[in-house]
């Protein structure tokens, strides 16, 4: 499968205009390459963002609350001056389990 966007793909049987100057073809080719490079960079950034979001969620939802619970701490202030507090979290799933029968899915 080609990395080239659909709008840039050319059917094998097509040759395109025969009388284009080389500099026009070269310019078009360079623009197409820039588009592909840009799309590839964006894909890598989006994948890294997805990975970072998973790690952040693990830190905020699991690791920090567990570490604070070990020492029976509910809130504190970091050396940088940030205030951190653990609040009770109830997931929608656990709420559904205790919801009246007519509200359950």
Protein backbone atom coordinates (compact mmCIF):
# COMPACT_ATOMS: atom_id res chain seq x y z
CA UNK A 1 0.00 0.00 0.00
CA UNK A 2 1.33 3.42 -0.91
CA UNK A 3 1.89 6.24 1.58
CA UNK A 4 0.74 8.64 -1.10
CA UNK A 5 -2.65 10.30 -0.47
CA UNK A 6 -5.50 9.14 -2.71
CA UNK A 7 -5.74 12.48 -4.53
CA UNK A 8 -2.10 12.16 -5.62
CA UNK A 9 -2.26 8.58 -6.93
CA UNK A 10 -2.09 8.14 -10.67
CA UNK A 11 -3.42 5.18 -12.62
CA UNK A 12 -0.62 3.13 -14.15
CA UNK A 13 -1.97 3.64 -17.69
CA UNK A 14 -1.96 7.43 -17.50
CA UNK A 15 1.11 9.33 -18.61
CA UNK A 16 -0.04 12.90 -18.02
CA UNK A 17 0.68 15.91 -20.22
CA UNK A 18 3.64 15.25 -22.50
CA UNK A 19 4.72 18.86 -23.00
CA UNK A 20 5.38 19.97 -19.41
CA UNK A 21 8.77 21.54 -18.78
CA UNK A 22 11.08 19.58 -16.48
CA UNK A 23 11.07 22.35 -13.87
CA UNK A 24 7.26 22.14 -13.58
CA UNK A 25 7.36 18.38 -13.12
CA UNK A 26 10.20 18.75 -10.62
CA UNK A 27 8.28 21.42 -8.67
CA UNK A 28 5.14 19.26 -8.53
CA UNK A 29 7.18 16.26 -7.43
CA UNK A 30 8.82 18.25 -4.63
CA UNK A 31 5.42 19.47 -3.41
CA UNK A 32 4.11 15.90 -3.38
CA UNK A 33 7.17 14.76 -1.40
CA UNK A 34 6.66 17.56 1.13
CA UNK A 35 3.03 16.49 1.59
CA UNK A 36 4.05 12.87 2.22
CA UNK A 37 6.82 13.89 4.65
CA UNK A 38 4.39 16.14 6.50
CA UNK A 39 1.81 13.36 6.78
CA UNK A 40 4.46 10.97 8.08
CA UNK A 41 5.62 13.48 10.72
CA UNK A 42 2.03 14.04 11.83
CA UNK A 43 1.42 10.28 12.10
CA UNK A 44 4.50 9.87 14.31
CA UNK A 45 3.46 12.80 16.51
CA UNK A 46 -0.08 11.43 16.89
CA UNK A 47 1.28 7.99 17.85
CA UNK A 48 3.62 9.57 20.43
CA UNK A 49 0.70 11.61 21.80
CA UNK A 50 -1.40 8.46 22.18
CA UNK A 51 1.43 6.76 24.08
CA UNK A 52 1.95 9.80 26.33
CA UNK A 53 -1.77 9.98 27.12
CA UNK A 54 -1.79 6.33 28.19
CA UNK A 55 1.21 6.95 30.45
CA UNK A 56 -0.33 10.11 31.92
CA UNK A 57 -3.57 8.28 32.69
CA UNK A 58 -1.62 5.51 34.42
CA UNK A 59 0.28 8.06 36.53
CA UNK A 60 -2.78 10.11 37.48
CA UNK A 61 -5.27 7.28 37.94
CA UNK A 62 -3.08 4.52 39.37
CA UNK A 63 0.47 5.28 40.45
CA UNK A 64 0.09 8.63 42.27
CA UNK A 65 -3.12 7.67 44.10
CA UNK A 66 -1.55 4.33 45.14
CA UNK A 67 1.63 6.01 46.39
CA UNK A 68 -0.36 8.58 48.35
CA UNK A 69 -2.69 5.92 49.78
CA UNK A 70 0.32 3.96 51.06
CA UNK A 71 1.20 6.84 53.38
CA UNK A 72 -2.42 7.84 54.02
CA UNK A 73 -1.99 11.19 52.23
CA UNK A 74 -4.95 12.96 50.63
CA UNK A 75 -3.25 16.15 49.46
CA UNK A 76 0.11 17.88 49.40
CA UNK A 77 2.07 20.66 47.71
CA UNK A 78 5.03 19.95 45.42
CA UNK A 79 8.39 21.67 45.71
CA UNK A 80 7.36 23.69 42.65
CA UNK A 81 4.26 24.97 44.42
CA UNK A 82 1.64 22.78 42.73
CA UNK A 83 -1.18 21.59 44.92
CA UNK A 84 -2.12 17.92 44.45
CA UNK A 85 -5.22 16.33 45.91
CA UNK A 86 -6.73 12.90 45.44
CA UNK A 87 -10.48 12.93 45.02
CA UNK A 88 -12.74 9.93 45.19
CA UNK A 89 -13.52 8.72 41.69
CA UNK A 90 -16.56 6.69 40.80
CA UNK A 91 -16.58 5.18 37.35
CA UNK A 92 -19.78 5.22 35.29
CA UNK A 93 -19.74 1.41 35.35
CA UNK A 94 -19.83 1.22 39.14
CA UNK A 95 -22.65 3.77 39.21
CA UNK A 96 -24.66 1.67 36.78
CA UNK A 97 -24.34 -1.36 39.01
CA UNK A 98 -25.98 0.52 41.88
CA UNK A 99 -28.53 2.38 39.75
CA UNK A 100 -32.18 1.47 39.99
CA UNK A 101 -33.11 -1.51 37.82
CA UNK A 102 -35.04 0.61 35.26
CA UNK A 103 -31.94 2.78 34.63
CA UNK A 104 -29.52 -0.07 34.01
CA UNK A 105 -28.50 -0.89 30.42
